Amino acid sequence: FLDDSCMEYFKEMFLRLFPAQAVSIQRDEETGGPGYIVKVGDD
């Protein structure tokens, strides 16, 4: 789940969903366990 290819997959998917907006994705290191935090604008 934390592999780089999995992260690239999530990036590609969100860019497809929100093509005209800035997409930010990073690994979640605050709460522990495997995860990602994805942000798109304020919504």
PDB file of all heavy atoms in Angstrom:
ATOM      1  N   PHE A   1       0.829  -1.207   0.000  1.00  0.00           N
ATOM      2  CA  PHE A   1       0.000   0.000   0.000  1.00  0.00           C
ATOM      3  C   PHE A   1       0.864   1.257   0.000  1.00  0.00           C
ATOM      4  O   PHE A   1       0.475   2.281  -0.554  1.00  0.00           O
ATOM      5  CB  PHE A   1      -0.915  -0.016   1.227  1.00  0.00           C
ATOM      6  CG  PHE A   1      -1.994   1.030   1.186  1.00  0.00           C
ATOM      7  CD1 PHE A   1      -3.095   0.867   0.347  1.00  0.00           C
ATOM      8  CD2 PHE A   1      -1.926   2.159   1.973  1.00  0.00           C
ATOM      9  CE1 PHE A   1      -4.103   1.827   0.306  1.00  0.00           C
ATOM     10  CE2 PHE A   1      -2.930   3.118   1.937  1.00  0.00           C
ATOM     11  CZ  PHE A   1      -4.023   2.949   1.105  1.00  0.00           C
ATOM     12  N   LEU A   2       2.032   1.199   0.626  1.00  0.00           N
ATOM     13  CA  LEU A   2       2.925   2.360   0.702  1.00  0.00           C
ATOM     14  C   LEU A   2       3.947   2.385  -0.428  1.00  0.00           C
ATOM     15  O   LEU A   2       4.796   3.265  -0.470  1.00  0.00           O
ATOM     16  CB  LEU A   2       3.642   2.378   2.053  1.00  0.00           C
ATOM     17  CG  LEU A   2       2.739   2.655   3.270  1.00  0.00           C
ATOM     18  CD1 LEU A   2       3.530   2.515   4.551  1.00  0.00           C
ATOM     19  CD2 LEU A   2       2.108   4.046   3.177  1.00  0.00           C
ATOM     20  N   ASP A   3       3.868   1.440  -1.351  1.00  0.00           N
ATOM     21  CA  ASP A   3       4.807   1.383  -2.464  1.00  0.00           C
ATOM     22  C   ASP A   3       4.656   2.613  -3.354  1.00  0.00           C
ATOM     23  O   ASP A   3       3.566   3.185  -3.485  1.00  0.00           O
ATOM     24  CB  ASP A   3       4.557   0.118  -3.289  1.00  0.00           C
ATOM     25  CG  ASP A   3       5.613  -0.085  -4.360  1.00  0.00           C
ATOM     26  OD1 ASP A   3       6.719  -0.514  -4.020  1.00  0.00           O
ATOM     27  OD2 ASP A   3       5.306   0.212  -5.533  1.00  0.00           O
ATOM     28  N   ASP A   4       5.748   3.026  -3.992  1.00  0.00           N
ATOM     29  CA  ASP A   4       5.707   4.216  -4.854  1.00  0.00           C
ATOM     30  C   ASP A   4       4.700   4.061  -5.984  1.00  0.00           C
ATOM     31  O   ASP A   4       4.034   5.025  -6.376  1.00  0.00           O
ATOM     32  CB  ASP A   4       7.098   4.490  -5.441  1.00  0.00           C
ATOM     33  CG  ASP A   4       8.070   5.024  -4.394  1.00  0.00           C
ATOM     34  OD1 ASP A   4       7.595   5.493  -3.350  1.00  0.00           O
ATOM     35  OD2 ASP A   4       9.291   4.958  -4.633  1.00  0.00           O
ATOM     36  N   SER A   5       4.554   2.852  -6.527  1.00  0.00           N
ATOM     37  CA  SER A   5       3.615   2.647  -7.624  1.00  0.00           C
ATOM     38  C   SER A   5       2.180   2.863  -7.167  1.00  0.00           C
ATOM     39  O   SER A   5       1.342   3.353  -7.916  1.00  0.00           O
ATOM     40  CB  SER A   5       3.775   1.236  -8.196  1.00  0.00           C
ATOM     41  OG  SER A   5       3.483   0.257  -7.215  1.00  0.00           O
ATOM     42  N   CYS A   6       1.884   2.489  -5.927  1.00  0.00           N
ATOM     43  CA  CYS A   6       0.544   2.702  -5.376  1.00  0.00           C
ATOM     44  C   CYS A   6       0.294   4.203  -5.203  1.00  0.00           C
ATOM     45  O   CYS A   6      -0.796   4.703  -5.510  1.00  0.00           O
ATOM     46  CB  CYS A   6       0.401   1.990  -4.039  1.00  0.00           C
ATOM     47  SG  CYS A   6      -1.289   1.957  -3.409  1.00  0.00           S
ATOM     48  N   MET A   7       1.299   4.925  -4.753  1.00  0.00           N
ATOM     49  CA  MET A   7       1.154   6.365  -4.594  1.00  0.00           C
ATOM     50  C   MET A   7       0.943   7.040  -5.942  1.00  0.00           C
ATOM     51  O   MET A   7       0.119   7.949  -6.088  1.00  0.00           O
ATOM     52  CB  MET A   7       2.391   6.941  -3.899  1.00  0.00           C
ATOM     53  CG  MET A   7       2.251   8.414  -3.516  1.00  0.00           C
ATOM     54  SD  MET A   7       3.612   8.950  -2.464  1.00  0.00           S
ATOM     55  CE  MET A   7       3.065  10.606  -2.032  1.00  0.00           C
ATOM     56  N   GLU A   8       1.680   6.592  -6.962  1.00  0.00           N
ATOM     57  CA  GLU A   8       1.508   7.150  -8.300  1.00  0.00           C
ATOM     58  C   GLU A   8       0.101   6.865  -8.835  1.00  0.00           C
ATOM     59  O   GLU A   8      -0.496   7.678  -9.532  1.00  0.00           O
ATOM     60  CB  GLU A   8       2.559   6.567  -9.248  1.00  0.00           C
ATOM     61  CG  GLU A   8       3.960   7.086  -9.017  1.00  0.00           C
ATOM     62  CD  GLU A   8       4.040   8.607  -9.187  1.00  0.00           C
ATOM     63  OE1 GLU A   8       3.434   9.139 -10.138  1.00  0.00           O
ATOM     64  OE2 GLU A   8       4.688   9.254  -8.345  1.00  0.00           O
ATOM     65  N   TYR A   9      -0.418   5.690  -8.491  1.00  0.00           N
ATOM     66  CA  TYR A   9      -1.772   5.336  -8.922  1.00  0.00           C
ATOM     67  C   TYR A   9      -2.785   6.311  -8.337  1.00  0.00           C
ATOM     68  O   TYR A   9      -3.665   6.811  -9.031  1.00  0.00           O
ATOM     69  CB  TYR A   9      -2.113   3.913  -8.494  1.00  0.00           C
ATOM     70  CG  TYR A   9      -3.576   3.619  -8.542  1.00  0.00           C
ATOM     71  CD1 TYR A   9      -4.226   3.389  -9.755  1.00  0.00           C
ATOM     72  CD2 TYR A   9      -4.351   3.606  -7.385  1.00  0.00           C
ATOM     73  CE1 TYR A   9      -5.575   3.144  -9.807  1.00  0.00           C
ATOM     74  CE2 TYR A   9      -5.702   3.359  -7.427  1.00  0.00           C
ATOM     75  CZ  TYR A   9      -6.307   3.128  -8.639  1.00  0.00           C
ATOM     76  OH  TYR A   9      -7.648   2.898  -8.689  1.00  0.00           O
ATOM     77  N   PHE A  10      -2.672   6.597  -7.027  1.00  0.00           N
ATOM     78  CA  PHE A  10      -3.606   7.537  -6.405  1.00  0.00           C
ATOM     79  C   PHE A  10      -3.469   8.924  -7.008  1.00  0.00           C
ATOM     80  O   PHE A  10      -4.456   9.629  -7.219  1.00  0.00           O
ATOM     81  CB  PHE A  10      -3.372   7.583  -4.897  1.00  0.00           C
ATOM     82  CG  PHE A  10      -3.950   6.407  -4.160  1.00  0.00           C
ATOM     83  CD1 PHE A  10      -3.156   5.616  -3.350  1.00  0.00           C
ATOM     84  CD2 PHE A  10      -5.289   6.081  -4.277  1.00  0.00           C
ATOM     85  CE1 PHE A  10      -3.683   4.527  -2.684  1.00  0.00           C
ATOM     86  CE2 PHE A  10      -5.830   4.995  -3.606  1.00  0.00           C
ATOM     87  CZ  PHE A  10      -5.020   4.218  -2.807  1.00  0.00           C
ATOM     88  N   LYS A  11      -2.236   9.335  -7.296  1.00  0.00           N
ATOM     89  CA  LYS A  11      -2.036  10.646  -7.933  1.00  0.00           C
ATOM     90  C   LYS A  11      -2.761  10.707  -9.271  1.00  0.00           C
ATOM     91  O   LYS A  11      -3.481  11.668  -9.574  1.00  0.00           O
ATOM     92  CB  LYS A  11      -0.533  10.907  -8.148  1.00  0.00           C
ATOM     93  CG  LYS A  11       0.229  11.324  -6.910  1.00  0.00           C
ATOM     94  CD  LYS A  11       1.682  11.616  -7.277  1.00  0.00           C
ATOM     95  CE  LYS A  11       2.489  12.026  -6.063  1.00  0.00           C
ATOM     96  NZ  LYS A  11       3.922  12.279  -6.416  1.00  0.00           N
ATOM     97  N   GLU A  12      -2.558   9.678 -10.083  1.00  0.00           N
ATOM     98  CA  GLU A  12      -3.178   9.641 -11.412  1.00  0.00           C
ATOM     99  C   GLU A  12      -4.700   9.666 -11.309  1.00  0.00           C
ATOM    100  O   GLU A  12      -5.382  10.348 -12.062  1.00  0.00           O
ATOM    101  CB  GLU A  12      -2.720   8.377 -12.147  1.00  0.00           C
ATOM    102  CG  GLU A  12      -3.318   8.233 -13.547  1.00  0.00           C
ATOM    103  CD  GLU A  12      -2.913   6.929 -14.203  1.00  0.00           C
ATOM    104  OE1 GLU A  12      -1.924   6.324 -13.749  1.00  0.00           O
ATOM    105  OE2 GLU A  12      -3.587   6.517 -15.168  1.00  0.00           O
ATOM    106  N   MET A  13      -5.228   8.918 -10.339  1.00  0.00           N
ATOM    107  CA  MET A  13      -6.677   8.840 -10.198  1.00  0.00           C
ATOM    108  C   MET A  13      -7.272  10.187  -9.811  1.00  0.00           C
ATOM    109  O   MET A  13      -8.278  10.633 -10.371  1.00  0.00           O
ATOM    110  CB  MET A  13      -7.050   7.793  -9.160  1.00  0.00           C
ATOM    111  CG  MET A  13      -8.526   7.419  -9.176  1.00  0.00           C
ATOM    112  SD  MET A  13      -9.091   6.722  -7.622  1.00  0.00           S
ATOM    113  CE  MET A  13      -9.192   8.208  -6.623  1.00  0.00           C
ATOM    114  N   PHE A  14      -6.662  10.876  -8.855  1.00  0.00           N
ATOM    115  CA  PHE A  14      -7.200  12.162  -8.413  1.00  0.00           C
ATOM    116  C   PHE A  14      -7.004  13.249  -9.460  1.00  0.00           C
ATOM    117  O   PHE A  14      -7.829  14.156  -9.587  1.00  0.00           O
ATOM    118  CB  PHE A  14      -6.578  12.560  -7.074  1.00  0.00           C
ATOM    119  CG  PHE A  14      -7.243  11.919  -5.894  1.00  0.00           C
ATOM    120  CD1 PHE A  14      -6.750  10.746  -5.359  1.00  0.00           C
ATOM    121  CD2 PHE A  14      -8.392  12.466  -5.340  1.00  0.00           C
ATOM    122  CE1 PHE A  14      -7.377  10.130  -4.288  1.00  0.00           C
ATOM    123  CE2 PHE A  14      -9.027  11.862  -4.260  1.00  0.00           C
ATOM    124  CZ  PHE A  14      -8.516  10.687  -3.740  1.00  0.00           C
ATOM    125  N   LEU A  15      -5.923  13.196 -10.219  1.00  0.00           N
ATOM    126  CA  LEU A  15      -5.748  14.155 -11.312  1.00  0.00           C
ATOM    127  C   LEU A  15      -6.808  13.957 -12.384  1.00  0.00           C
ATOM    128  O   LEU A  15      -7.249  14.906 -13.027  1.00  0.00           O
ATOM    129  CB  LEU A  15      -4.345  14.000 -11.916  1.00  0.00           C
ATOM    130  CG  LEU A  15      -3.193  14.533 -11.054  1.00  0.00           C
ATOM    131  CD1 LEU A  15      -1.853  14.132 -11.657  1.00  0.00           C
ATOM    132  CD2 LEU A  15      -3.287  16.053 -10.919  1.00  0.00           C
ATOM    133  N   ARG A  16      -7.238  12.684 -12.567  1.00  0.00           N
ATOM    134  CA  ARG A  16      -8.304  12.393 -13.508  1.00  0.00           C
ATOM    135  C   ARG A  16      -9.646  12.919 -12.991  1.00  0.00           C
ATOM    136  O   ARG A  16     -10.459  13.436 -13.735  1.00  0.00           O
ATOM    137  CB  ARG A  16      -8.383  10.875 -13.724  1.00  0.00           C
ATOM    138  CG  ARG A  16      -8.314  10.470 -15.170  1.00  0.00           C
ATOM    139  CD  ARG A  16      -8.291   8.977 -15.407  1.00  0.00           C
ATOM    140  NE  ARG A  16      -8.815   8.109 -14.403  1.00  0.00           N
ATOM    141  CZ  ARG A  16      -8.088   7.239 -13.726  1.00  0.00           C
ATOM    142  NH1 ARG A  16      -6.800   7.144 -13.928  1.00  0.00           N
ATOM    143  NH2 ARG A  16      -8.637   6.446 -12.840  1.00  0.00           N
ATOM    144  N   LEU A  17      -9.864  12.778 -11.681  1.00  0.00           N
ATOM    145  CA  LEU A  17     -11.118  13.233 -11.088  1.00  0.00           C
ATOM    146  C   LEU A  17     -11.217  14.746 -11.035  1.00  0.00           C
ATOM    147  O   LEU A  17     -12.300  15.313 -11.188  1.00  0.00           O
ATOM    148  CB  LEU A  17     -11.252  12.669  -9.668  1.00  0.00           C
ATOM    149  CG  LEU A  17     -11.706  11.221  -9.517  1.00  0.00           C
ATOM    150  CD1 LEU A  17     -11.653  10.807  -8.056  1.00  0.00           C
ATOM    151  CD2 LEU A  17     -13.113  11.027 -10.057  1.00  0.00           C
ATOM    152  N   PHE A  18     -10.078  15.409 -10.800  1.00  0.00           N
ATOM    153  CA  PHE A  18     -10.057  16.868 -10.655  1.00  0.00           C
ATOM    154  C   PHE A  18      -9.007  17.453 -11.592  1.00  0.00           C
ATOM    155  O   PHE A  18      -7.961  17.951 -11.162  1.00  0.00           O
ATOM    156  CB  PHE A  18      -9.752  17.244  -9.202  1.00  0.00           C
ATOM    157  CG  PHE A  18     -10.677  16.615  -8.198  1.00  0.00           C
ATOM    158  CD1 PHE A  18     -10.303  15.473  -7.507  1.00  0.00           C
ATOM    159  CD2 PHE A  18     -11.932  17.159  -7.951  1.00  0.00           C
ATOM    160  CE1 PHE A  18     -11.148  14.880  -6.585  1.00  0.00           C
ATOM    161  CE2 PHE A  18     -12.788  16.578  -7.030  1.00  0.00           C
ATOM    162  CZ  PHE A  18     -12.407  15.439  -6.343  1.00  0.00           C
ATOM    163  N   PRO A  19      -9.267  17.419 -12.911  1.00  0.00           N
ATOM    164  CA  PRO A  19      -8.235  17.804 -13.887  1.00  0.00           C
ATOM    165  C   PRO A  19      -7.844  19.279 -13.837  1.00  0.00           C
ATOM    166  O   PRO A  19      -6.744  19.637 -14.237  1.00  0.00           O
ATOM    167  CB  PRO A  19      -8.896  17.461 -15.233  1.00  0.00           C
ATOM    168  CG  PRO A  19     -10.364  17.478 -14.961  1.00  0.00           C
ATOM    169  CD  PRO A  19     -10.523  16.995 -13.554  1.00  0.00           C
ATOM    170  N   ALA A  20      -8.711  20.137 -13.341  1.00  0.00           N
ATOM    171  CA  ALA A  20      -8.424  21.579 -13.379  1.00  0.00           C
ATOM    172  C   ALA A  20      -7.994  22.115 -12.021  1.00  0.00           C
ATOM    173  O   ALA A  20      -7.928  23.329 -11.828  1.00  0.00           O
ATOM    174  CB  ALA A  20      -9.656  22.336 -13.872  1.00  0.00           C
ATOM    175  N   GLN A  21      -7.704  21.233 -11.070  1.00  0.00           N
ATOM    176  CA  GLN A  21      -7.369  21.685  -9.721  1.00  0.00           C
ATOM    177  C   GLN A  21      -6.028  21.102  -9.281  1.00  0.00           C
ATOM    178  O   GLN A  21      -5.548  20.110  -9.820  1.00  0.00           O
ATOM    179  CB  GLN A  21      -8.465  21.274  -8.735  1.00  0.00           C
ATOM    180  CG  GLN A  21      -9.846  21.828  -9.084  1.00  0.00           C
ATOM    181  CD  GLN A  21     -10.874  21.469  -8.047  1.00  0.00           C
ATOM    182  OE1 GLN A  21     -10.672  21.679  -6.860  1.00  0.00           O
ATOM    183  NE2 GLN A  21     -12.000  20.925  -8.491  1.00  0.00           N
ATOM    184  N   ALA A  22      -5.457  21.754  -8.281  1.00  0.00           N
ATOM    185  CA  ALA A  22      -4.181  21.287  -7.732  1.00  0.00           C
ATOM    186  C   ALA A  22      -4.433  20.149  -6.760  1.00  0.00           C
ATOM    187  O   ALA A  22      -5.234  20.271  -5.829  1.00  0.00           O
ATOM    188  CB  ALA A  22      -3.472  22.440  -7.031  1.00  0.00           C
ATOM    189  N   VAL A  23      -3.758  19.040  -6.984  1.00  0.00           N
ATOM    190  CA  VAL A  23      -3.913  17.852  -6.143  1.00  0.00           C
ATOM    191  C   VAL A  23      -2.652  17.660  -5.314  1.00  0.00           C
ATOM    192  O   VAL A  23      -1.539  17.655  -5.849  1.00  0.00           O
ATOM    193  CB  VAL A  23      -4.185  16.598  -6.998  1.00  0.00           C
ATOM    194  CG1 VAL A  23      -4.236  15.353  -6.109  1.00  0.00           C
ATOM    195  CG2 VAL A  23      -5.479  16.748  -7.775  1.00  0.00           C
ATOM    196  N   SER A  24      -2.824  17.517  -4.001  1.00  0.00           N
ATOM    197  CA  SER A  24      -1.699  17.254  -3.098  1.00  0.00           C
ATOM    198  C   SER A  24      -1.901  15.898  -2.449  1.00  0.00           C
ATOM    199  O   SER A  24      -2.976  15.603  -1.918  1.00  0.00           O
ATOM    200  CB  SER A  24      -1.630  18.340  -2.017  1.00  0.00           C
ATOM    201  OG  SER A  24      -0.750  17.956  -0.970  1.00  0.00           O
ATOM    202  N   ILE A  25      -0.882  15.039  -2.486  1.00  0.00           N
ATOM    203  CA  ILE A  25      -0.974  13.724  -1.860  1.00  0.00           C
ATOM    204  C   ILE A  25       0.341  13.422  -1.154  1.00  0.00           C
ATOM    205  O   ILE A  25       1.414  13.663  -1.702  1.00  0.00           O
ATOM    206  CB  ILE A  25      -1.303  12.622  -2.894  1.00  0.00           C
ATOM    207  CG1 ILE A  25      -1.388  11.250  -2.221  1.00  0.00           C
ATOM    208  CG2 ILE A  25      -0.307  12.599  -4.030  1.00  0.00           C
ATOM    209  CD1 ILE A  25      -1.956  10.170  -3.117  1.00  0.00           C
ATOM    210  N   GLN A  26       0.242  12.956   0.083  1.00  0.00           N
ATOM    211  CA  GLN A  26       1.438  12.618   0.845  1.00  0.00           C
ATOM    212  C   GLN A  26       1.121  11.452   1.778  1.00  0.00           C
ATOM    213  O   GLN A  26      -0.038  11.192   2.105  1.00  0.00           O
ATOM    214  CB  GLN A  26       1.918  13.814   1.667  1.00  0.00           C
ATOM    215  CG  GLN A  26       0.900  14.283   2.712  1.00  0.00           C
ATOM    216  CD  GLN A  26       1.355  15.552   3.420  1.00  0.00           C
ATOM    217  OE1 GLN A  26       1.911  16.439   2.783  1.00  0.00           O
ATOM    218  NE2 GLN A  26       1.127  15.614   4.712  1.00  0.00           N
ATOM    219  N   ARG A  27       2.154  10.749   2.175  1.00  0.00           N
ATOM    220  CA  ARG A  27       1.962   9.647   3.106  1.00  0.00           C
ATOM    221  C   ARG A  27       1.573  10.191   4.474  1.00  0.00           C
ATOM    222  O   ARG A  27       2.059  11.227   4.906  1.00  0.00           O
ATOM    223  CB  ARG A  27       3.217   8.803   3.182  1.00  0.00           C
ATOM    224  CG  ARG A  27       3.490   8.015   1.913  1.00  0.00           C
ATOM    225  CD  ARG A  27       4.697   7.096   2.080  1.00  0.00           C
ATOM    226  NE  ARG A  27       4.893   6.260   0.893  1.00  0.00           N
ATOM    227  CZ  ARG A  27       5.596   6.623  -0.160  1.00  0.00           C
ATOM    228  NH1 ARG A  27       6.179   7.821  -0.174  1.00  0.00           N
ATOM    229  NH2 ARG A  27       5.722   5.825  -1.198  1.00  0.00           N
ATOM    230  N   ASP A  28       0.675   9.480   5.142  1.00  0.00           N
ATOM    231  CA  ASP A  28       0.204   9.893   6.463  1.00  0.00           C
ATOM    232  C   ASP A  28       1.179   9.378   7.513  1.00  0.00           C
ATOM    233  O   ASP A  28       1.244   8.185   7.780  1.00  0.00           O
ATOM    234  CB  ASP A  28      -1.200   9.337   6.700  1.00  0.00           C
ATOM    235  CG  ASP A  28      -1.727   9.708   8.078  1.00  0.00           C
ATOM    236  OD1 ASP A  28      -1.166  10.643   8.693  1.00  0.00           O
ATOM    237  OD2 ASP A  28      -2.690   9.070   8.539  1.00  0.00           O
ATOM    238  N   GLU A  29       1.919  10.281   8.115  1.00  0.00           N
ATOM    239  CA  GLU A  29       2.897   9.894   9.127  1.00  0.00           C
ATOM    240  C   GLU A  29       2.503  10.389  10.513  1.00  0.00           C
ATOM    241  O   GLU A  29       3.263  10.282  11.466  1.00  0.00           O
ATOM    242  CB  GLU A  29       4.276  10.444   8.753  1.00  0.00           C
ATOM    243  CG  GLU A  29       4.797   9.919   7.413  1.00  0.00           C
ATOM    244  CD  GLU A  29       6.125  10.529   7.027  1.00  0.00           C
ATOM    245  OE1 GLU A  29       6.554  11.472   7.726  1.00  0.00           O
ATOM    246  OE2 GLU A  29       6.732  10.079   6.029  1.00  0.00           O
ATOM    247  N   GLU A  30       1.291  10.964  10.627  1.00  0.00           N
ATOM    248  CA  GLU A  30       0.873  11.553  11.900  1.00  0.00           C
ATOM    249  C   GLU A  30       0.178  10.544  12.792  1.00  0.00           C
ATOM    250  O   GLU A  30       0.424  10.480  13.993  1.00  0.00           O
ATOM    251  CB  GLU A  30      -0.061  12.745  11.635  1.00  0.00           C
ATOM    252  CG  GLU A  30       0.603  13.862  10.834  1.00  0.00           C
ATOM    253  CD  GLU A  30      -0.380  14.974  10.516  1.00  0.00           C
ATOM    254  OE1 GLU A  30      -1.545  14.854  10.948  1.00  0.00           O
ATOM    255  OE2 GLU A  30       0.011  15.953   9.861  1.00  0.00           O
ATOM    256  N   THR A  31      -0.719   9.740  12.231  1.00  0.00           N
ATOM    257  CA  THR A  31      -1.542   8.841  13.046  1.00  0.00           C
ATOM    258  C   THR A  31      -1.024   7.418  13.054  1.00  0.00           C
ATOM    259  O   THR A  31      -1.592   6.563  13.720  1.00  0.00           O
ATOM    260  CB  THR A  31      -2.986   8.853  12.513  1.00  0.00           C
ATOM    261  OG1 THR A  31      -2.981   8.461  11.133  1.00  0.00           O
ATOM    262  CG2 THR A  31      -3.583  10.233  12.625  1.00  0.00           C
ATOM    263  N   GLY A  32       0.034   7.138  12.318  1.00  0.00           N
ATOM    264  CA  GLY A  32       0.587   5.798  12.290  1.00  0.00           C
ATOM    265  C   GLY A  32      -0.170   4.888  11.352  1.00  0.00           C
ATOM    266  O   GLY A  32      -1.311   5.136  11.007  1.00  0.00           O
ATOM    267  N   GLY A  33       0.476   3.792  10.932  1.00  0.00           N
ATOM    268  CA  GLY A  33      -0.159   2.870  10.007  1.00  0.00           C
ATOM    269  C   GLY A  33      -0.063   3.368   8.585  1.00  0.00           C
ATOM    270  O   GLY A  33       0.204   4.544   8.329  1.00  0.00           O
ATOM    271  N   PRO A  34      -0.272   2.463   7.610  1.00  0.00           N
ATOM    272  CA  PRO A  34      -0.170   2.866   6.204  1.00  0.00           C
ATOM    273  C   PRO A  34      -1.344   3.739   5.793  1.00  0.00           C
ATOM    274  O   PRO A  34      -2.497   3.434   6.102  1.00  0.00           O
ATOM    275  CB  PRO A  34      -0.199   1.523   5.462  1.00  0.00           C
ATOM    276  CG  PRO A  34      -0.998   0.623   6.357  1.00  0.00           C
ATOM    277  CD  PRO A  34      -0.662   1.050   7.750  1.00  0.00           C
ATOM    278  N   GLY A  35      -1.060   4.829   5.110  1.00  0.00           N
ATOM    279  CA  GLY A  35      -2.135   5.694   4.657  1.00  0.00           C
ATOM    280  C   GLY A  35      -1.620   6.879   3.870  1.00  0.00           C
ATOM    281  O   GLY A  35      -0.407   7.138   3.817  1.00  0.00           O
ATOM    282  N   TYR A  36      -2.567   7.582   3.245  1.00  0.00           N
ATOM    283  CA  TYR A  36      -2.259   8.773   2.466  1.00  0.00           C
ATOM    284  C   TYR A  36      -3.218   9.880   2.860  1.00  0.00           C
ATOM    285  O   TYR A  36      -4.383   9.619   3.206  1.00  0.00           O
ATOM    286  CB  TYR A  36      -2.391   8.509   0.968  1.00  0.00           C
ATOM    287  CG  TYR A  36      -1.436   7.470   0.425  1.00  0.00           C
ATOM    288  CD1 TYR A  36      -1.818   6.136   0.315  1.00  0.00           C
ATOM    289  CD2 TYR A  36      -0.147   7.823   0.028  1.00  0.00           C
ATOM    290  CE1 TYR A  36      -0.945   5.179  -0.172  1.00  0.00           C
ATOM    291  CE2 TYR A  36       0.729   6.869  -0.466  1.00  0.00           C
ATOM    292  CZ  TYR A  36       0.326   5.553  -0.563  1.00  0.00           C
ATOM    293  OH  TYR A  36       1.194   4.611  -1.051  1.00  0.00           O
ATOM    294  N   ILE A  37      -2.740  11.104   2.807  1.00  0.00           N
ATOM    295  CA  ILE A  37      -3.604  12.271   2.974  1.00  0.00           C
ATOM    296  C   ILE A  37      -3.689  12.966   1.622  1.00  0.00           C
ATOM    297  O   ILE A  37      -2.671  13.348   1.041  1.00  0.00           O
ATOM    298  CB  ILE A  37      -3.059  13.241   4.036  1.00  0.00           C
ATOM    299  CG1 ILE A  37      -3.043  12.557   5.409  1.00  0.00           C
ATOM    300  CG2 ILE A  37      -3.908  14.505   4.089  1.00  0.00           C
ATOM    301  CD1 ILE A  37      -2.436  13.409   6.503  1.00  0.00           C
ATOM    302  N   VAL A  38      -4.900  13.096   1.108  1.00  0.00           N
ATOM    303  CA  VAL A  38      -5.130  13.688  -0.207  1.00  0.00           C
ATOM    304  C   VAL A  38      -5.918  14.971  -0.036  1.00  0.00           C
ATOM    305  O   VAL A  38      -6.967  14.990   0.625  1.00  0.00           O
ATOM    306  CB  VAL A  38      -5.910  12.714  -1.121  1.00  0.00           C
ATOM    307  CG1 VAL A  38      -6.072  13.324  -2.502  1.00  0.00           C
ATOM    308  CG2 VAL A  38      -5.192  11.374  -1.209  1.00  0.00           C
ATOM    309  N   LYS A  39      -5.421  16.055  -0.647  1.00  0.00           N
ATOM    310  CA  LYS A  39      -6.107  17.344  -0.583  1.00  0.00           C
ATOM    311  C   LYS A  39      -6.335  17.865  -1.993  1.00  0.00           C
ATOM    312  O   LYS A  39      -5.442  17.826  -2.838  1.00  0.00           O
ATOM    313  CB  LYS A  39      -5.287  18.361   0.207  1.00  0.00           C
ATOM    314  CG  LYS A  39      -5.045  17.996   1.666  1.00  0.00           C
ATOM    315  CD  LYS A  39      -4.203  19.059   2.362  1.00  0.00           C
ATOM    316  CE  LYS A  39      -3.906  18.665   3.804  1.00  0.00           C
ATOM    317  NZ  LYS A  39      -3.048  19.679   4.481  1.00  0.00           N
ATOM    318  N   VAL A  40      -7.540  18.370  -2.228  1.00  0.00           N
ATOM    319  CA  VAL A  40      -7.876  19.026  -3.491  1.00  0.00           C
ATOM    320  C   VAL A  40      -8.652  20.288  -3.146  1.00  0.00           C
ATOM    321  O   VAL A  40      -9.835  20.232  -2.774  1.00  0.00           O
ATOM    322  CB  VAL A  40      -8.722  18.128  -4.414  1.00  0.00           C
ATOM    323  CG1 VAL A  40      -8.950  18.828  -5.751  1.00  0.00           C
ATOM    324  CG2 VAL A  40      -8.064  16.775  -4.628  1.00  0.00           C
ATOM    325  N   GLY A  41      -7.997  21.448  -3.236  1.00  0.00           N
ATOM    326  CA  GLY A  41      -8.649  22.697  -2.882  1.00  0.00           C
ATOM    327  C   GLY A  41      -9.129  22.683  -1.444  1.00  0.00           C
ATOM    328  O   GLY A  41      -8.522  22.088  -0.552  1.00  0.00           O
ATOM    329  N   ASP A  42     -10.269  23.355  -1.209  1.00  0.00           N
ATOM    330  CA  ASP A  42     -10.836  23.409   0.140  1.00  0.00           C
ATOM    331  C   ASP A  42     -11.947  22.391   0.345  1.00  0.00           C
ATOM    332  O   ASP A  42     -12.474  22.257   1.453  1.00  0.00           O
ATOM    333  CB  ASP A  42     -11.408  24.818   0.405  1.00  0.00           C
ATOM    334  CG  ASP A  42     -10.326  25.886   0.372  1.00  0.00           C
ATOM    335  OD1 ASP A  42      -9.180  25.579   0.778  1.00  0.00           O
ATOM    336  OD2 ASP A  42     -10.624  27.022  -0.049  1.00  0.00           O
ATOM    337  N   ASP A  43     -12.324  21.670  -0.715  1.00  0.00           N
ATOM    338  CA  ASP A  43     -13.482  20.783  -0.631  1.00  0.00           C
ATOM    339  C   ASP A  43     -13.130  19.337  -0.336  1.00  0.00           C
ATOM    340  O   ASP A  43     -13.991  18.564   0.084  1.00  0.00           O
ATOM    341  CB  ASP A  43     -14.278  20.828  -1.947  1.00  0.00           C
ATOM    342  CG  ASP A  43     -14.942  22.172  -2.165  1.00  0.00           C
ATOM    343  OD1 ASP A  43     -15.238  22.839  -1.158  1.00  0.00           O
ATOM    344  OD2 ASP A  43     -15.158  22.539  -3.333  1.00  0.00           O
TER     345      ASP A  43
END
